């Protein structure tokens, strides 16, 4: 089994059950996978700090990619980061972005 890049959404996904998802992030990382948070939020100081504090509260470290409403797939392709597994409560945001 190889290592995968796993993208997890923040609002409505991680926030739906932070204890569950933080444990998942730790387990996935320990198994050699790369987990990244890909959010439709814009990278503002307020949003960045909120997300950072949320992950710190649940004792998990994960890089965050802010897409500012852009298609999450396109945003990651522009960063030359392939995603093997997407975890998102709004799959249309992966392709179409969000308002």
N, C-alpha and C. Protein backbone atom coordinates (compact mmCIF):
# COMPACT_ATOMS: atom_id res chain seq x y z
N UNK A 1 0.85 -1.18 0.00
CA UNK A 1 0.00 0.00 0.00
C UNK A 1 0.89 1.24 0.00
N UNK A 2 0.65 2.15 -0.95
CA UNK A 2 1.43 3.37 -1.04
C UNK A 2 0.85 4.49 -0.21
N UNK A 3 1.56 5.58 -0.19
CA UNK A 3 1.04 6.72 0.55
C UNK A 3 0.16 7.56 -0.36
N UNK A 4 -0.85 8.16 0.21
CA UNK A 4 -1.82 8.97 -0.53
C UNK A 4 -1.83 10.39 0.00
N UNK A 5 -2.25 11.32 -0.85
CA UNK A 5 -2.53 12.68 -0.39
C UNK A 5 -4.04 12.76 -0.21
N UNK A 6 -4.43 13.14 0.99
CA UNK A 6 -5.84 13.21 1.37
C UNK A 6 -6.19 14.66 1.67
N UNK A 7 -7.22 15.17 0.99
CA UNK A 7 -7.67 16.55 1.23
C UNK A 7 -8.97 16.50 2.01
N UNK A 8 -9.00 17.24 3.12
CA UNK A 8 -10.21 17.31 3.93
C UNK A 8 -10.70 18.76 3.98
N UNK A 9 -11.97 18.91 3.77
CA UNK A 9 -12.63 20.22 3.84
C UNK A 9 -12.71 20.66 5.30
N UNK A 10 -12.83 21.94 5.53
CA UNK A 10 -12.93 22.47 6.89
C UNK A 10 -14.39 22.64 7.33
N UNK A 11 -15.10 23.61 6.72
CA UNK A 11 -16.47 23.93 7.16
C UNK A 11 -17.44 22.82 6.77
N UNK A 12 -18.15 22.31 7.75
CA UNK A 12 -19.16 21.29 7.49
C UNK A 12 -18.58 19.89 7.36
N UNK A 13 -17.26 19.77 7.37
CA UNK A 13 -16.62 18.46 7.34
C UNK A 13 -15.80 18.32 8.61
N UNK A 14 -14.61 18.95 8.67
CA UNK A 14 -13.84 18.90 9.91
C UNK A 14 -14.67 19.43 11.07
N UNK A 15 -15.36 20.55 10.85
CA UNK A 15 -16.12 21.17 11.95
C UNK A 15 -17.34 20.34 12.37
N UNK A 16 -17.77 19.40 11.53
CA UNK A 16 -18.92 18.56 11.88
C UNK A 16 -18.59 17.62 13.03
N UNK A 17 -17.32 17.19 13.13
CA UNK A 17 -16.89 16.30 14.21
C UNK A 17 -15.38 16.41 14.35
N UNK A 18 -14.91 17.51 14.94
CA UNK A 18 -13.47 17.74 15.03
C UNK A 18 -12.70 16.63 15.74
N UNK A 19 -13.29 16.02 16.74
CA UNK A 19 -12.59 14.93 17.45
C UNK A 19 -12.33 13.76 16.51
N UNK A 20 -13.34 13.38 15.75
CA UNK A 20 -13.21 12.28 14.80
C UNK A 20 -12.15 12.59 13.74
N UNK A 21 -12.27 13.76 13.11
CA UNK A 21 -11.38 14.08 12.00
C UNK A 21 -9.96 14.35 12.47
N UNK A 22 -9.77 14.90 13.66
CA UNK A 22 -8.40 15.10 14.15
C UNK A 22 -7.74 13.75 14.42
N UNK A 23 -8.50 12.80 14.93
CA UNK A 23 -7.96 11.45 15.13
C UNK A 23 -7.62 10.82 13.77
N UNK A 24 -8.50 11.01 12.80
CA UNK A 24 -8.25 10.50 11.45
C UNK A 24 -6.96 11.10 10.89
N UNK A 25 -6.76 12.40 11.05
CA UNK A 25 -5.57 13.08 10.54
C UNK A 25 -4.32 12.49 11.19
N UNK A 26 -4.35 12.26 12.50
CA UNK A 26 -3.20 11.69 13.18
C UNK A 26 -2.92 10.26 12.70
N UNK A 27 -3.96 9.47 12.57
CA UNK A 27 -3.79 8.08 12.11
C UNK A 27 -3.27 8.04 10.68
N UNK A 28 -3.87 8.85 9.81
CA UNK A 28 -3.44 8.88 8.40
C UNK A 28 -1.98 9.32 8.30
N UNK A 29 -1.62 10.36 9.03
CA UNK A 29 -0.23 10.82 9.02
C UNK A 29 0.72 9.75 9.54
N UNK A 30 0.32 9.08 10.59
CA UNK A 30 1.15 8.01 11.15
C UNK A 30 1.32 6.84 10.20
N UNK A 31 0.36 6.66 9.31
CA UNK A 31 0.43 5.58 8.32
C UNK A 31 1.17 6.01 7.05
N UNK A 32 1.72 7.23 7.06
CA UNK A 32 2.51 7.70 5.93
C UNK A 32 1.78 8.50 4.89
N UNK A 33 0.51 8.81 5.15
CA UNK A 33 -0.26 9.61 4.20
C UNK A 33 -0.05 11.10 4.50
N UNK A 34 -0.28 11.90 3.50
CA UNK A 34 -0.22 13.35 3.65
C UNK A 34 -1.65 13.87 3.70
N UNK A 35 -1.99 14.61 4.75
CA UNK A 35 -3.32 15.19 4.86
C UNK A 35 -3.19 16.70 4.76
N UNK A 36 -4.04 17.30 3.95
CA UNK A 36 -4.06 18.75 3.78
C UNK A 36 -5.51 19.21 3.89
N UNK A 37 -5.72 20.34 4.52
CA UNK A 37 -7.06 20.94 4.60
C UNK A 37 -7.21 21.86 3.39
N UNK A 38 -8.26 21.63 2.61
CA UNK A 38 -8.54 22.49 1.46
C UNK A 38 -9.90 23.12 1.71
N UNK A 39 -9.89 24.43 1.91
CA UNK A 39 -11.10 25.16 2.27
C UNK A 39 -11.44 26.22 1.22
N UNK A 40 -12.73 26.45 1.05
CA UNK A 40 -13.19 27.49 0.12
C UNK A 40 -13.03 28.89 0.72
N UNK A 41 -12.67 28.96 1.98
CA UNK A 41 -12.48 30.27 2.61
C UNK A 41 -11.35 31.05 1.94
N UNK A 42 -11.37 32.36 2.17
CA UNK A 42 -10.30 33.24 1.71
C UNK A 42 -9.27 33.36 2.82
N UNK A 43 -8.02 33.45 2.46
CA UNK A 43 -6.93 33.53 3.44
C UNK A 43 -6.86 34.93 4.05
N UNK A 44 -7.73 35.17 5.00
CA UNK A 44 -7.70 36.42 5.75
C UNK A 44 -7.07 36.13 7.11
N UNK A 45 -6.54 37.14 7.79
CA UNK A 45 -5.97 36.88 9.11
C UNK A 45 -6.98 36.23 10.07
N UNK A 46 -8.22 36.68 10.01
CA UNK A 46 -9.25 36.14 10.91
C UNK A 46 -9.50 34.65 10.61
N UNK A 47 -9.71 34.31 9.34
CA UNK A 47 -9.99 32.91 8.98
C UNK A 47 -8.78 32.03 9.23
N UNK A 48 -7.61 32.51 8.87
CA UNK A 48 -6.39 31.75 9.07
C UNK A 48 -6.17 31.44 10.55
N UNK A 49 -6.34 32.43 11.39
CA UNK A 49 -6.16 32.24 12.83
C UNK A 49 -7.22 31.29 13.39
N UNK A 50 -8.46 31.44 12.97
CA UNK A 50 -9.53 30.56 13.45
C UNK A 50 -9.23 29.10 13.11
N UNK A 51 -8.85 28.84 11.87
CA UNK A 51 -8.57 27.47 11.46
C UNK A 51 -7.35 26.93 12.20
N UNK A 52 -6.30 27.75 12.31
CA UNK A 52 -5.10 27.33 13.02
C UNK A 52 -5.42 26.97 14.47
N UNK A 53 -6.21 27.80 15.13
CA UNK A 53 -6.60 27.54 16.52
C UNK A 53 -7.46 26.29 16.64
N UNK A 54 -8.33 26.07 15.68
CA UNK A 54 -9.18 24.88 15.71
C UNK A 54 -8.33 23.61 15.63
N UNK A 55 -7.39 23.59 14.70
CA UNK A 55 -6.52 22.42 14.59
C UNK A 55 -5.66 22.27 15.85
N UNK A 56 -5.16 23.38 16.39
CA UNK A 56 -4.34 23.32 17.60
C UNK A 56 -5.15 22.80 18.78
N UNK A 57 -6.40 23.23 18.89
CA UNK A 57 -7.27 22.78 19.97
C UNK A 57 -7.44 21.27 19.94
N UNK A 58 -7.51 20.72 18.75
CA UNK A 58 -7.70 19.27 18.60
C UNK A 58 -6.38 18.53 18.34
N UNK A 59 -5.29 19.24 18.60
CA UNK A 59 -3.94 18.66 18.59
C UNK A 59 -3.61 17.90 17.31
N UNK A 60 -3.88 18.55 16.20
CA UNK A 60 -3.46 17.97 14.93
C UNK A 60 -2.88 19.09 14.07
N UNK A 61 -1.87 18.73 13.34
CA UNK A 61 -1.22 19.68 12.45
C UNK A 61 -1.53 19.30 11.01
N UNK A 62 -1.97 20.26 10.25
CA UNK A 62 -2.28 20.01 8.85
C UNK A 62 -2.11 21.33 8.09
N UNK A 63 -1.44 21.28 6.93
CA UNK A 63 -1.36 22.49 6.13
C UNK A 63 -2.73 22.86 5.59
N UNK A 64 -2.95 24.15 5.40
CA UNK A 64 -4.25 24.63 4.93
C UNK A 64 -4.07 25.35 3.60
N UNK A 65 -4.92 24.99 2.65
CA UNK A 65 -4.97 25.67 1.35
C UNK A 65 -6.30 26.41 1.28
N UNK A 66 -6.23 27.72 1.09
CA UNK A 66 -7.42 28.56 0.94
C UNK A 66 -7.68 28.75 -0.55
N UNK A 67 -8.89 28.43 -1.00
CA UNK A 67 -9.18 28.55 -2.44
C UNK A 67 -10.00 29.79 -2.79
N UNK A 68 -10.46 30.54 -1.81
CA UNK A 68 -11.25 31.76 -2.05
C UNK A 68 -12.43 31.49 -2.99
N UNK A 69 -13.07 30.34 -2.80
CA UNK A 69 -14.25 30.00 -3.58
C UNK A 69 -13.97 29.33 -4.91
N UNK A 70 -12.71 29.24 -5.29
CA UNK A 70 -12.33 28.60 -6.56
C UNK A 70 -12.55 27.09 -6.45
N UNK A 71 -12.68 26.43 -7.57
CA UNK A 71 -12.72 24.97 -7.61
C UNK A 71 -11.54 24.43 -6.82
N UNK A 72 -11.81 23.52 -5.91
CA UNK A 72 -10.73 22.96 -5.09
C UNK A 72 -9.79 22.10 -5.93
N UNK A 73 -10.33 21.41 -6.91
CA UNK A 73 -9.49 20.60 -7.79
C UNK A 73 -8.53 21.50 -8.56
N UNK A 74 -9.06 22.57 -9.13
CA UNK A 74 -8.22 23.51 -9.88
C UNK A 74 -7.17 24.15 -8.96
N UNK A 75 -7.58 24.54 -7.77
CA UNK A 75 -6.64 25.17 -6.83
C UNK A 75 -5.47 24.26 -6.52
N UNK A 76 -5.74 22.99 -6.33
CA UNK A 76 -4.66 22.05 -6.02
C UNK A 76 -3.82 21.75 -7.26
N UNK A 77 -4.45 21.68 -8.42
CA UNK A 77 -3.69 21.48 -9.67
C UNK A 77 -2.74 22.66 -9.90
N UNK A 78 -3.19 23.88 -9.61
CA UNK A 78 -2.35 25.06 -9.77
C UNK A 78 -1.15 25.03 -8.84
N UNK A 79 -1.27 24.29 -7.76
CA UNK A 79 -0.16 24.14 -6.80
C UNK A 79 0.67 22.88 -7.10
N UNK A 80 0.35 22.23 -8.21
CA UNK A 80 1.02 20.97 -8.58
C UNK A 80 0.94 19.95 -7.46
N UNK A 81 -0.21 19.91 -6.81
CA UNK A 81 -0.45 18.95 -5.73
C UNK A 81 -1.60 18.05 -6.13
N UNK A 82 -1.27 16.82 -6.42
CA UNK A 82 -2.31 15.85 -6.74
C UNK A 82 -2.98 15.36 -5.47
N UNK A 83 -4.27 15.22 -5.52
CA UNK A 83 -5.03 14.70 -4.38
C UNK A 83 -5.59 13.35 -4.78
N UNK A 84 -5.33 12.35 -3.95
CA UNK A 84 -5.81 11.00 -4.21
C UNK A 84 -7.20 10.76 -3.64
N UNK A 85 -7.46 11.38 -2.47
CA UNK A 85 -8.73 11.16 -1.78
C UNK A 85 -9.25 12.51 -1.29
N UNK A 86 -10.50 12.80 -1.64
CA UNK A 86 -11.16 14.04 -1.20
C UNK A 86 -12.20 13.69 -0.14
N UNK A 87 -12.21 14.45 0.96
CA UNK A 87 -13.25 14.30 1.99
C UNK A 87 -13.91 15.68 2.10
N UNK A 88 -15.15 15.77 1.63
CA UNK A 88 -15.82 17.07 1.55
C UNK A 88 -17.32 16.87 1.64
N UNK A 89 -17.98 17.69 2.43
CA UNK A 89 -19.43 17.59 2.56
C UNK A 89 -20.17 18.18 1.36
N UNK A 90 -19.44 18.88 0.48
CA UNK A 90 -20.06 19.49 -0.71
C UNK A 90 -19.21 19.16 -1.93
N UNK A 91 -19.39 17.95 -2.48
CA UNK A 91 -18.56 17.55 -3.62
C UNK A 91 -18.62 18.49 -4.81
N UNK A 92 -19.70 19.22 -4.98
CA UNK A 92 -19.76 20.17 -6.12
C UNK A 92 -18.72 21.26 -5.97
N UNK A 93 -18.32 21.59 -4.75
CA UNK A 93 -17.30 22.62 -4.53
C UNK A 93 -15.94 22.18 -5.05
N UNK A 94 -15.75 20.88 -5.15
CA UNK A 94 -14.48 20.38 -5.69
C UNK A 94 -14.32 20.81 -7.15
N UNK A 95 -15.41 20.74 -7.89
CA UNK A 95 -15.39 21.04 -9.32
C UNK A 95 -15.77 22.49 -9.59
N UNK A 96 -16.85 22.93 -9.01
CA UNK A 96 -17.43 24.23 -9.35
C UNK A 96 -17.00 25.38 -8.46
N UNK A 97 -16.38 25.09 -7.34
CA UNK A 97 -16.10 26.14 -6.38
C UNK A 97 -17.36 26.47 -5.59
N UNK A 98 -17.28 27.49 -4.77
CA UNK A 98 -18.44 27.87 -3.97
C UNK A 98 -18.51 29.38 -3.87
N UNK A 99 -19.71 29.86 -3.60
CA UNK A 99 -19.93 31.31 -3.52
C UNK A 99 -19.43 31.87 -2.23
